[in-house]
Full PDB file with SEQRES, HELIX, SHEET, SSBOND, CRYST1, ORIGX, SCALE, CONECT and MASTER records, all heavy atoms in Angstrom:
SEQRES   1 A   40  GLY ASP LYS PHE VAL GLU GLY SER PHE ARG TYR SER SER          
SEQRES   2 A   40  GLN ASN GLY ASP SER SER PRO THR ALA GLU SER HIS SER          
SEQRES   3 A   40  TRP SER PHE ASN PRO THR VAL GLY TYR LEU LEU THR ASP          
SEQRES   4 A   40  LYS                                                          
HELIX    1 AA1 PRO A   20  ALA A   22  5                                   3    
SHEET    1 AA1 2 LYS A   3  GLN A  14  0                                        
SHEET    2 AA1 2 SER A  24  TYR A  35 -1                                        
CRYST1    1.000    1.000    1.000  90.00  90.00  90.00 P 1           1          
ORIGX1      1.000000  0.000000  0.000000        0.00000                         
ORIGX2      0.000000  1.000000  0.000000        0.00000                         
ORIGX3      0.000000  0.000000  1.000000        0.00000                         
SCALE1      1.000000  0.000000  0.000000        0.00000                         
SCALE2      0.000000  1.000000  0.000000        0.00000                         
SCALE3      0.000000  0.000000  1.000000        0.00000                         
ATOM      1  N   GLY A   1       0.774  -1.204  -0.026  1.00  0.00           N  
ATOM      2  CA  GLY A   1       0.006   0.019   0.013  1.00  0.00           C  
ATOM      3  C   GLY A   1       0.795   1.325   0.000  1.00  0.00           C  
ATOM      4  O   GLY A   1       0.248   2.391  -0.197  1.00  0.00           O  
ATOM      5  N   ASP A   2       2.149   1.188   0.144  1.00  0.00           N  
ATOM      6  CA  ASP A   2       2.986   2.376   0.098  1.00  0.00           C  
ATOM      7  C   ASP A   2       2.969   2.977  -1.280  1.00  0.00           C  
ATOM      8  O   ASP A   2       2.853   2.274  -2.280  1.00  0.00           O  
ATOM      9  CB  ASP A   2       4.420   2.051   0.474  1.00  0.00           C  
ATOM     10  CG  ASP A   2       4.563   1.823   1.996  1.00  0.00           C  
ATOM     11  OD1 ASP A   2       3.649   2.195   2.751  1.00  0.00           O  
ATOM     12  OD2 ASP A   2       5.631   1.292   2.407  1.00  0.00           O  
ATOM     13  N   LYS A   3       3.162   4.272  -1.364  1.00  0.00           N  
ATOM     14  CA  LYS A   3       3.332   5.020  -2.631  1.00  0.00           C  
ATOM     15  C   LYS A   3       4.635   5.727  -2.631  1.00  0.00           C  
ATOM     16  O   LYS A   3       5.125   6.081  -1.529  1.00  0.00           O  
ATOM     17  CB  LYS A   3       2.120   5.931  -2.823  1.00  0.00           C  
ATOM     18  CG  LYS A   3       0.777   5.257  -2.986  1.00  0.00           C  
ATOM     19  CD  LYS A   3      -0.377   6.207  -3.025  1.00  0.00           C  
ATOM     20  CE  LYS A   3      -0.633   6.823  -1.607  1.00  0.00           C  
ATOM     21  NZ  LYS A   3      -1.198   5.790  -0.698  1.00  0.00           N  
ATOM     22  N   PHE A   4       5.231   5.933  -3.779  1.00  0.00           N  
ATOM     23  CA  PHE A   4       6.503   6.700  -3.834  1.00  0.00           C  
ATOM     24  C   PHE A   4       6.564   7.509  -5.104  1.00  0.00           C  
ATOM     25  O   PHE A   4       6.014   7.219  -6.105  1.00  0.00           O  
ATOM     26  CB  PHE A   4       7.655   5.718  -3.648  1.00  0.00           C  
ATOM     27  CG  PHE A   4       7.826   4.740  -4.819  1.00  0.00           C  
ATOM     28  CD1 PHE A   4       8.467   5.080  -5.969  1.00  0.00           C  
ATOM     29  CD2 PHE A   4       7.296   3.426  -4.694  1.00  0.00           C  
ATOM     30  CE1 PHE A   4       8.706   4.140  -7.013  1.00  0.00           C  
ATOM     31  CE2 PHE A   4       7.432   2.537  -5.736  1.00  0.00           C  
ATOM     32  CZ  PHE A   4       8.145   2.880  -6.853  1.00  0.00           C  
ATOM     33  N   VAL A   5       7.371   8.545  -4.978  1.00  0.00           N  
ATOM     34  CA  VAL A   5       7.823   9.337  -6.086  1.00  0.00           C  
ATOM     35  C   VAL A   5       9.378   9.283  -6.142  1.00  0.00           C  
ATOM     36  O   VAL A   5      10.002   9.230  -5.101  1.00  0.00           O  
ATOM     37  CB  VAL A   5       7.345  10.805  -6.114  1.00  0.00           C  
ATOM     38  CG1 VAL A   5       5.849  10.864  -6.297  1.00  0.00           C  
ATOM     39  CG2 VAL A   5       7.776  11.488  -4.793  1.00  0.00           C  
ATOM     40  N   GLU A   6       9.913   9.234  -7.325  1.00  0.00           N  
ATOM     41  CA  GLU A   6      11.349   9.085  -7.471  1.00  0.00           C  
ATOM     42  C   GLU A   6      11.848   9.882  -8.615  1.00  0.00           C  
ATOM     43  O   GLU A   6      11.148  10.088  -9.606  1.00  0.00           O  
ATOM     44  CB  GLU A   6      11.605   7.566  -7.736  1.00  0.00           C  
ATOM     45  CG  GLU A   6      13.065   7.139  -7.783  1.00  0.00           C  
ATOM     46  CD  GLU A   6      13.130   5.614  -8.030  1.00  0.00           C  
ATOM     47  OE1 GLU A   6      12.841   5.193  -9.169  1.00  0.00           O  
ATOM     48  OE2 GLU A   6      13.480   4.899  -7.094  1.00  0.00           O  
ATOM     49  N   GLY A   7      13.061  10.388  -8.507  1.00  0.00           N  
ATOM     50  CA  GLY A   7      13.652  11.146  -9.580  1.00  0.00           C  
ATOM     51  C   GLY A   7      15.135  10.790  -9.728  1.00  0.00           C  
ATOM     52  O   GLY A   7      15.854  10.697  -8.753  1.00  0.00           O  
ATOM     53  N   SER A   8      15.530  10.513 -10.936  1.00  0.00           N  
ATOM     54  CA  SER A   8      16.924  10.215 -11.199  1.00  0.00           C  
ATOM     55  C   SER A   8      17.440  11.067 -12.360  1.00  0.00           C  
ATOM     56  O   SER A   8      16.685  11.442 -13.270  1.00  0.00           O  
ATOM     57  CB  SER A   8      17.074   8.709 -11.639  1.00  0.00           C  
ATOM     58  OG  SER A   8      16.352   8.308 -12.709  1.00  0.00           O  
ATOM     59  N   PHE A   9      18.720  11.408 -12.314  1.00  0.00           N  
ATOM     60  CA  PHE A   9      19.277  12.250 -13.330  1.00  0.00           C  
ATOM     61  C   PHE A   9      20.587  11.659 -13.800  1.00  0.00           C  
ATOM     62  O   PHE A   9      21.338  11.114 -12.992  1.00  0.00           O  
ATOM     63  CB  PHE A   9      19.512  13.646 -12.741  1.00  0.00           C  
ATOM     64  CG  PHE A   9      20.229  14.613 -13.720  1.00  0.00           C  
ATOM     65  CD1 PHE A   9      19.450  15.275 -14.710  1.00  0.00           C  
ATOM     66  CD2 PHE A   9      21.530  14.936 -13.629  1.00  0.00           C  
ATOM     67  CE1 PHE A   9      20.013  16.145 -15.560  1.00  0.00           C  
ATOM     68  CE2 PHE A   9      22.140  15.763 -14.465  1.00  0.00           C  
ATOM     69  CZ  PHE A   9      21.406  16.381 -15.485  1.00  0.00           C  
ATOM     70  N   ARG A  10      20.895  11.814 -15.103  1.00  0.00           N  
ATOM     71  CA  ARG A  10      22.160  11.309 -15.608  1.00  0.00           C  
ATOM     72  C   ARG A  10      22.675  12.355 -16.604  1.00  0.00           C  
ATOM     73  O   ARG A  10      21.956  12.889 -17.420  1.00  0.00           O  
ATOM     74  CB  ARG A  10      21.919   9.981 -16.295  1.00  0.00           C  
ATOM     75  CG  ARG A  10      23.150   9.424 -17.009  1.00  0.00           C  
ATOM     76  CD  ARG A  10      22.864   8.068 -17.646  1.00  0.00           C  
ATOM     77  NE  ARG A  10      23.901   7.696 -18.575  1.00  0.00           N  
ATOM     78  CZ  ARG A  10      23.838   6.660 -19.395  1.00  0.00           C  
ATOM     79  NH1 ARG A  10      22.712   5.977 -19.401  1.00  0.00           N  
ATOM     80  NH2 ARG A  10      24.780   6.348 -20.170  1.00  0.00           N  
ATOM     81  N   TYR A  11      23.987  12.562 -16.608  1.00  0.00           N  
ATOM     82  CA  TYR A  11      24.691  13.459 -17.544  1.00  0.00           C  
ATOM     83  C   TYR A  11      26.001  12.816 -17.927  1.00  0.00           C  
ATOM     84  O   TYR A  11      26.717  12.258 -17.091  1.00  0.00           O  
ATOM     85  CB  TYR A  11      24.905  14.864 -16.904  1.00  0.00           C  
ATOM     86  CG  TYR A  11      25.731  15.760 -17.843  1.00  0.00           C  
ATOM     87  CD1 TYR A  11      25.066  16.383 -18.834  1.00  0.00           C  
ATOM     88  CD2 TYR A  11      27.087  15.920 -17.644  1.00  0.00           C  
ATOM     89  CE1 TYR A  11      25.804  17.290 -19.715  1.00  0.00           C  
ATOM     90  CE2 TYR A  11      27.808  16.726 -18.522  1.00  0.00           C  
ATOM     91  CZ  TYR A  11      27.201  17.418 -19.501  1.00  0.00           C  
ATOM     92  OH  TYR A  11      27.903  18.218 -20.327  1.00  0.00           O  
ATOM     93  N   SER A  12      26.309  12.967 -19.181  1.00  0.00           N  
ATOM     94  CA  SER A  12      27.627  12.468 -19.672  1.00  0.00           C  
ATOM     95  C   SER A  12      28.148  13.408 -20.715  1.00  0.00           C  
ATOM     96  O   SER A  12      27.398  14.069 -21.453  1.00  0.00           O  
ATOM     97  CB  SER A  12      27.509  11.041 -20.289  1.00  0.00           C  
ATOM     98  OG  SER A  12      26.739  11.040 -21.426  1.00  0.00           O  
ATOM     99  N   SER A  13      29.474  13.509 -20.768  1.00  0.00           N  
ATOM    100  CA  SER A  13      30.133  14.390 -21.758  1.00  0.00           C  
ATOM    101  C   SER A  13      31.365  13.713 -22.234  1.00  0.00           C  
ATOM    102  O   SER A  13      32.149  13.168 -21.439  1.00  0.00           O  
ATOM    103  CB  SER A  13      30.472  15.733 -21.084  1.00  0.00           C  
ATOM    104  OG  SER A  13      31.176  16.592 -21.978  1.00  0.00           O  
ATOM    105  N   GLN A  14      31.579  13.745 -23.576  1.00  0.00           N  
ATOM    106  CA  GLN A  14      32.768  13.140 -24.153  1.00  0.00           C  
ATOM    107  C   GLN A  14      33.414  14.164 -25.096  1.00  0.00           C  
ATOM    108  O   GLN A  14      32.764  14.739 -25.960  1.00  0.00           O  
ATOM    109  CB  GLN A  14      32.414  11.893 -24.974  1.00  0.00           C  
ATOM    110  CG  GLN A  14      31.877  10.754 -24.142  1.00  0.00           C  
ATOM    111  CD  GLN A  14      31.557   9.569 -24.950  1.00  0.00           C  
ATOM    112  OE1 GLN A  14      31.563   9.578 -26.167  1.00  0.00           O  
ATOM    113  NE2 GLN A  14      31.180   8.443 -24.286  1.00  0.00           N  
ATOM    114  N   ASN A  15      34.692  14.419 -24.842  1.00  0.00           N  
ATOM    115  CA  ASN A  15      35.475  15.360 -25.687  1.00  0.00           C  
ATOM    116  C   ASN A  15      36.525  14.620 -26.413  1.00  0.00           C  
ATOM    117  O   ASN A  15      37.351  13.919 -25.858  1.00  0.00           O  
ATOM    118  CB  ASN A  15      36.065  16.469 -24.786  1.00  0.00           C  
ATOM    119  CG  ASN A  15      35.039  17.293 -24.088  1.00  0.00           C  
ATOM    120  OD1 ASN A  15      34.015  17.693 -24.693  1.00  0.00           O  
ATOM    121  ND2 ASN A  15      35.205  17.531 -22.829  1.00  0.00           N  
ATOM    122  N   GLY A  16      36.629  14.868 -27.747  1.00  0.00           N  
ATOM    123  CA  GLY A  16      37.616  14.192 -28.502  1.00  0.00           C  
ATOM    124  C   GLY A  16      38.988  14.742 -28.226  1.00  0.00           C  
ATOM    125  O   GLY A  16      39.174  15.998 -28.305  1.00  0.00           O  
ATOM    126  N   ASP A  17      39.992  13.878 -27.948  1.00  0.00           N  
ATOM    127  CA  ASP A  17      41.344  14.332 -27.726  1.00  0.00           C  
ATOM    128  C   ASP A  17      42.025  14.861 -28.944  1.00  0.00           C  
ATOM    129  O   ASP A  17      42.742  15.836 -28.966  1.00  0.00           O  
ATOM    130  CB  ASP A  17      42.163  13.252 -27.086  1.00  0.00           C  
ATOM    131  CG  ASP A  17      41.638  12.838 -25.681  1.00  0.00           C  
ATOM    132  OD1 ASP A  17      41.071  13.743 -25.070  1.00  0.00           O  
ATOM    133  OD2 ASP A  17      41.819  11.660 -25.328  1.00  0.00           O  
ATOM    134  N   SER A  18      41.784  14.133 -30.051  1.00  0.00           N  
ATOM    135  CA  SER A  18      42.480  14.461 -31.312  1.00  0.00           C  
ATOM    136  C   SER A  18      41.597  15.247 -32.263  1.00  0.00           C  
ATOM    137  O   SER A  18      42.103  15.867 -33.256  1.00  0.00           O  
ATOM    138  CB  SER A  18      43.016  13.182 -31.972  1.00  0.00           C  
ATOM    139  OG  SER A  18      41.940  12.281 -32.240  1.00  0.00           O  
ATOM    140  N   SER A  19      40.291  15.119 -32.118  1.00  0.00           N  
ATOM    141  CA  SER A  19      39.360  15.777 -33.055  1.00  0.00           C  
ATOM    142  C   SER A  19      38.222  16.504 -32.357  1.00  0.00           C  
ATOM    143  O   SER A  19      37.485  15.881 -31.585  1.00  0.00           O  
ATOM    144  CB  SER A  19      38.712  14.673 -33.984  1.00  0.00           C  
ATOM    145  OG  SER A  19      37.746  15.286 -34.838  1.00  0.00           O  
ATOM    146  N   PRO A  20      38.201  17.856 -32.575  1.00  0.00           N  
ATOM    147  CA  PRO A  20      37.120  18.592 -31.894  1.00  0.00           C  
ATOM    148  C   PRO A  20      35.701  18.155 -32.288  1.00  0.00           C  
ATOM    149  O   PRO A  20      34.719  18.407 -31.549  1.00  0.00           O  
ATOM    150  CB  PRO A  20      37.391  20.023 -32.357  1.00  0.00           C  
ATOM    151  CG  PRO A  20      38.733  20.054 -32.956  1.00  0.00           C  
ATOM    152  CD  PRO A  20      38.958  18.670 -33.417  1.00  0.00           C  
ATOM    153  N   THR A  21      35.549  17.523 -33.520  1.00  0.00           N  
ATOM    154  CA  THR A  21      34.231  17.133 -33.910  1.00  0.00           C  
ATOM    155  C   THR A  21      33.729  15.881 -33.232  1.00  0.00           C  
ATOM    156  O   THR A  21      32.633  15.429 -33.498  1.00  0.00           O  
ATOM    157  CB  THR A  21      34.324  16.863 -35.448  1.00  0.00           C  
ATOM    158  OG1 THR A  21      35.249  15.801 -35.732  1.00  0.00           O  
ATOM    159  CG2 THR A  21      34.712  18.084 -36.230  1.00  0.00           C  
ATOM    160  N   ALA A  22      34.540  15.317 -32.350  1.00  0.00           N  
ATOM    161  CA  ALA A  22      34.122  14.126 -31.612  1.00  0.00           C  
ATOM    162  C   ALA A  22      33.368  14.454 -30.301  1.00  0.00           C  
ATOM    163  O   ALA A  22      33.055  13.592 -29.533  1.00  0.00           O  
ATOM    164  CB  ALA A  22      35.304  13.244 -31.312  1.00  0.00           C  
ATOM    165  N   GLU A  23      33.113  15.739 -30.059  1.00  0.00           N  
ATOM    166  CA  GLU A  23      32.479  16.140 -28.831  1.00  0.00           C  
ATOM    167  C   GLU A  23      30.995  15.728 -28.831  1.00  0.00           C  
ATOM    168  O   GLU A  23      30.262  15.841 -29.842  1.00  0.00           O  
ATOM    169  CB  GLU A  23      32.559  17.633 -28.672  1.00  0.00           C  
ATOM    170  CG  GLU A  23      33.960  18.126 -28.394  1.00  0.00           C  
ATOM    171  CD  GLU A  23      34.027  19.591 -28.086  1.00  0.00           C  
ATOM    172  OE1 GLU A  23      32.950  20.218 -28.009  1.00  0.00           O  
ATOM    173  OE2 GLU A  23      35.127  20.097 -27.827  1.00  0.00           O  
ATOM    174  N   SER A  24      30.510  15.272 -27.669  1.00  0.00           N  
ATOM    175  CA  SER A  24      29.095  14.955 -27.512  1.00  0.00           C  
ATOM    176  C   SER A  24      28.701  15.184 -26.057  1.00  0.00           C  
ATOM    177  O   SER A  24      29.505  15.016 -25.127  1.00  0.00           O  
ATOM    178  CB  SER A  24      28.803  13.520 -27.972  1.00  0.00           C  
ATOM    179  OG  SER A  24      29.483  12.632 -27.105  1.00  0.00           O  
ATOM    180  N   HIS A  25      27.415  15.520 -25.839  1.00  0.00           N  
ATOM    181  CA  HIS A  25      26.876  15.735 -24.498  1.00  0.00           C  
ATOM    182  C   HIS A  25      25.456  15.109 -24.486  1.00  0.00           C  
ATOM    183  O   HIS A  25      24.740  15.203 -25.462  1.00  0.00           O  
ATOM    184  CB  HIS A  25      26.800  17.179 -24.122  1.00  0.00           C  
ATOM    185  CG  HIS A  25      28.095  17.930 -24.406  1.00  0.00           C  
ATOM    186  ND1 HIS A  25      29.104  17.998 -23.439  1.00  0.00           N  
ATOM    187  CD2 HIS A  25      28.534  18.702 -25.414  1.00  0.00           C  
ATOM    188  CE1 HIS A  25      30.114  18.710 -23.874  1.00  0.00           C  
ATOM    189  NE2 HIS A  25      29.788  19.145 -25.117  1.00  0.00           N  
ATOM    190  N   SER A  26      25.141  14.492 -23.331  1.00  0.00           N  
ATOM    191  CA  SER A  26      23.810  13.928 -23.242  1.00  0.00           C  
ATOM    192  C   SER A  26      23.355  14.003 -21.798  1.00  0.00           C  
ATOM    193  O   SER A  26      24.163  14.009 -20.895  1.00  0.00           O  
ATOM    194  CB  SER A  26      23.793  12.493 -23.705  1.00  0.00           C  
ATOM    195  OG  SER A  26      24.570  11.638 -22.914  1.00  0.00           O  
ATOM    196  N   TRP A  27      22.054  14.069 -21.582  1.00  0.00           N  
ATOM    197  CA  TRP A  27      21.467  14.118 -20.288  1.00  0.00           C  
ATOM    198  C   TRP A  27      20.065  13.407 -20.307  1.00  0.00           C  
ATOM    199  O   TRP A  27      19.454  13.320 -21.365  1.00  0.00           O  
ATOM    200  CB  TRP A  27      21.293  15.564 -19.770  1.00  0.00           C  
ATOM    201  CG  TRP A  27      20.372  16.385 -20.598  1.00  0.00           C  
ATOM    202  CD1 TRP A  27      20.652  17.080 -21.776  1.00  0.00           C  
ATOM    203  CD2 TRP A  27      18.944  16.563 -20.437  1.00  0.00           C  
ATOM    204  NE1 TRP A  27      19.541  17.690 -22.247  1.00  0.00           N  
ATOM    205  CE2 TRP A  27      18.455  17.334 -21.449  1.00  0.00           C  
ATOM    206  CE3 TRP A  27      18.040  16.054 -19.435  1.00  0.00           C  
ATOM    207  CZ2 TRP A  27      17.144  17.739 -21.558  1.00  0.00           C  
ATOM    208  CZ3 TRP A  27      16.711  16.453 -19.543  1.00  0.00           C  
ATOM    209  CH2 TRP A  27      16.276  17.262 -20.600  1.00  0.00           C  
ATOM    210  N   SER A  28      19.638  12.983 -19.112  1.00  0.00           N  
ATOM    211  CA  SER A  28      18.311  12.442 -18.973  1.00  0.00           C  
ATOM    212  C   SER A  28      17.771  12.653 -17.578  1.00  0.00           C  
ATOM    213  O   SER A  28      18.522  12.644 -16.626  1.00  0.00           O  
ATOM    214  CB  SER A  28      18.340  10.928 -19.345  1.00  0.00           C  
ATOM    215  OG  SER A  28      19.074  10.221 -18.358  1.00  0.00           O  
ATOM    216  N   PHE A  29      16.436  12.805 -17.502  1.00  0.00           N  
ATOM    217  CA  PHE A  29      15.765  12.982 -16.202  1.00  0.00           C  
ATOM    218  C   PHE A  29      14.515  12.152 -16.267  1.00  0.00           C  
ATOM    219  O   PHE A  29      13.723  12.221 -17.227  1.00  0.00           O  
ATOM    220  CB  PHE A  29      15.478  14.471 -16.023  1.00  0.00           C  
ATOM    221  CG  PHE A  29      14.625  14.712 -14.779  1.00  0.00           C  
ATOM    222  CD1 PHE A  29      15.072  14.318 -13.536  1.00  0.00           C  
ATOM    223  CD2 PHE A  29      13.357  15.358 -14.845  1.00  0.00           C  
ATOM    224  CE1 PHE A  29      14.315  14.577 -12.399  1.00  0.00           C  
ATOM    225  CE2 PHE A  29      12.609  15.577 -13.723  1.00  0.00           C  
ATOM    226  CZ  PHE A  29      13.085  15.192 -12.514  1.00  0.00           C  
ATOM    227  N   ASN A  30      14.309  11.387 -15.194  1.00  0.00           N  
ATOM    228  CA  ASN A  30      13.214  10.416 -15.193  1.00  0.00           C  
ATOM    229  C   ASN A  30      12.354  10.531 -13.905  1.00  0.00           C  
ATOM    230  O   ASN A  30      12.581   9.798 -12.951  1.00  0.00           O  
ATOM    231  CB  ASN A  30      13.723   8.975 -15.336  1.00  0.00           C  
ATOM    232  CG  ASN A  30      14.603   8.799 -16.586  1.00  0.00           C  
ATOM    233  OD1 ASN A  30      15.846   8.714 -16.492  1.00  0.00           O  
ATOM    234  ND2 ASN A  30      14.007   8.796 -17.764  1.00  0.00           N  
ATOM    235  N   PRO A  31      11.393  11.419 -13.837  1.00  0.00           N  
ATOM    236  CA  PRO A  31      10.501  11.458 -12.643  1.00  0.00           C  
ATOM    237  C   PRO A  31       9.581  10.215 -12.720  1.00  0.00           C  
ATOM    238  O   PRO A  31       9.030   9.860 -13.751  1.00  0.00           O  
ATOM    239  CB  PRO A  31       9.706  12.716 -12.820  1.00  0.00           C  
ATOM    240  CG  PRO A  31       9.807  13.038 -14.314  1.00  0.00           C  
ATOM    241  CD  PRO A  31      11.094  12.517 -14.791  1.00  0.00           C  
ATOM    242  N   THR A  32       9.406   9.597 -11.552  1.00  0.00           N  
ATOM    243  CA  THR A  32       8.727   8.306 -11.456  1.00  0.00           C  
ATOM    244  C   THR A  32       7.714   8.277 -10.323  1.00  0.00           C  
ATOM    245  O   THR A  32       7.946   8.899  -9.269  1.00  0.00           O  
ATOM    246  CB  THR A  32       9.763   7.187 -11.206  1.00  0.00           C  
ATOM    247  OG1 THR A  32      10.680   7.206 -12.312  1.00  0.00           O  
ATOM    248  CG2 THR A  32       9.093   5.832 -11.171  1.00  0.00           C  
ATOM    249  N   VAL A  33       6.567   7.646 -10.511  1.00  0.00           N  
ATOM    250  CA  VAL A  33       5.608   7.341  -9.422  1.00  0.00           C  
ATOM    251  C   VAL A  33       5.361   5.891  -9.456  1.00  0.00           C  
ATOM    252  O   VAL A  33       5.338   5.156 -10.398  1.00  0.00           O  
ATOM    253  CB  VAL A  33       4.259   8.140  -9.684  1.00  0.00           C  
ATOM    254  CG1 VAL A  33       4.506   9.635  -9.557  1.00  0.00           C  
ATOM    255  CG2 VAL A  33       3.625   7.761 -11.023  1.00  0.00           C  
ATOM    256  N   GLY A  34       5.157   5.360  -8.228  1.00  0.00           N  
ATOM    257  CA  GLY A  34       4.926   3.870  -8.025  1.00  0.00           C  
ATOM    258  C   GLY A  34       4.028   3.560  -6.872  1.00  0.00           C  
ATOM    259  O   GLY A  34       3.793   4.415  -6.004  1.00  0.00           O  
ATOM    260  N   TYR A  35       3.502   2.374  -6.902  1.00  0.00           N  
ATOM    261  CA  TYR A  35       2.584   1.852  -5.825  1.00  0.00           C  
ATOM    262  C   TYR A  35       2.936   0.453  -5.532  1.00  0.00           C  
ATOM    263  O   TYR A  35       3.127  -0.379  -6.372  1.00  0.00           O  
ATOM    264  CB  TYR A  35       1.132   1.978  -6.342  1.00  0.00           C  
ATOM    265  CG  TYR A  35       0.133   1.404  -5.354  1.00  0.00           C  
ATOM    266  CD1 TYR A  35      -0.290   2.144  -4.240  1.00  0.00           C  
ATOM    267  CD2 TYR A  35      -0.468   0.122  -5.541  1.00  0.00           C  
ATOM    268  CE1 TYR A  35      -1.217   1.629  -3.335  1.00  0.00           C  
ATOM    269  CE2 TYR A  35      -1.380  -0.387  -4.655  1.00  0.00           C  
ATOM    270  CZ  TYR A  35      -1.771   0.415  -3.530  1.00  0.00           C  
ATOM    271  OH  TYR A  35      -2.649  -0.113  -2.629  1.00  0.00           O  
ATOM    272  N   LEU A  36       3.010   0.145  -4.195  1.00  0.00           N  
ATOM    273  CA  LEU A  36       3.381  -1.195  -3.764  1.00  0.00           C  
ATOM    274  C   LEU A  36       2.123  -2.065  -3.660  1.00  0.00           C  
ATOM    275  O   LEU A  36       1.255  -1.874  -2.771  1.00  0.00           O  
ATOM    276  CB  LEU A  36       4.047  -1.113  -2.384  1.00  0.00           C  
ATOM    277  CG  LEU A  36       5.535  -0.994  -2.350  1.00  0.00           C  
ATOM    278  CD1 LEU A  36       6.268  -2.171  -2.889  1.00  0.00           C  
ATOM    279  CD2 LEU A  36       6.008   0.331  -3.030  1.00  0.00           C  
ATOM    280  N   LEU A  37       1.997  -3.073  -4.560  1.00  0.00           N  
ATOM    281  CA  LEU A  37       0.934  -3.970  -4.490  1.00  0.00           C  
ATOM    282  C   LEU A  37       1.103  -4.933  -3.321  1.00  0.00           C  
ATOM    283  O   LEU A  37       0.132  -5.368  -2.653  1.00  0.00           O  
ATOM    284  CB  LEU A  37       0.878  -4.821  -5.768  1.00  0.00           C  
ATOM    285  CG  LEU A  37       0.651  -4.035  -7.077  1.00  0.00           C  
ATOM    286  CD1 LEU A  37       0.794  -4.969  -8.273  1.00  0.00           C  
ATOM    287  CD2 LEU A  37      -0.694  -3.360  -7.064  1.00  0.00           C  
ATOM    288  N   THR A  38       2.329  -5.344  -3.022  1.00  0.00           N  
ATOM    289  CA  THR A  38       2.740  -6.122  -1.839  1.00  0.00           C  
ATOM    290  C   THR A  38       3.996  -5.484  -1.310  1.00  0.00           C  
ATOM    291  O   THR A  38       4.459  -4.453  -1.827  1.00  0.00           O  
ATOM    292  CB  THR A  38       2.972  -7.599  -2.147  1.00  0.00           C  
ATOM    293  OG1 THR A  38       4.104  -7.714  -2.906  1.00  0.00           O  
ATOM    294  CG2 THR A  38       1.773  -8.169  -2.922  1.00  0.00           C  
ATOM    295  N   ASP A  39       4.612  -6.047  -0.304  1.00  0.00           N  
ATOM    296  CA  ASP A  39       5.917  -5.522   0.159  1.00  0.00           C  
ATOM    297  C   ASP A  39       7.099  -5.904  -0.770  1.00  0.00           C  
ATOM    298  O   ASP A  39       8.184  -5.467  -0.559  1.00  0.00           O  
ATOM    299  CB  ASP A  39       6.194  -5.991   1.580  1.00  0.00           C  
ATOM    300  CG  ASP A  39       6.311  -7.540   1.686  1.00  0.00           C  
ATOM    301  OD1 ASP A  39       5.882  -8.208   0.733  1.00  0.00           O  
ATOM    302  OD2 ASP A  39       6.761  -7.967   2.722  1.00  0.00           O  
ATOM    303  N   LYS A  40       6.776  -6.694  -1.849  1.00  0.00           N  
ATOM    304  CA  LYS A  40       7.760  -7.112  -2.800  1.00  0.00           C  
ATOM    305  C   LYS A  40       7.560  -6.522  -4.199  1.00  0.00           C  
ATOM    306  O   LYS A  40       8.471  -6.260  -4.923  1.00  0.00           O  
ATOM    307  CB  LYS A  40       7.797  -8.651  -2.937  1.00  0.00           C  
ATOM    308  CG  LYS A  40       8.247  -9.340  -1.632  1.00  0.00           C  
ATOM    309  CD  LYS A  40       9.723  -9.133  -1.343  1.00  0.00           C  
ATOM    310  CE  LYS A  40      10.164  -9.978  -0.177  1.00  0.00           C  
ATOM    311  NZ  LYS A  40      11.604  -9.738   0.177  1.00  0.00           N  
TER     312      LYS A  40                                                      
MASTER        0    0    0    1    2    0    0    6  311    1    0    4          
END                                                                             
């Protein structure tokens, strides 16, 4: 019967050592809601 809200965040960045065109950046955010049907 417990309820919960959850939030997780992730960020990554890659910079090319030999080539400037190899740069990339990414992020994600995942707000979550859940309900416990049982304790498992």
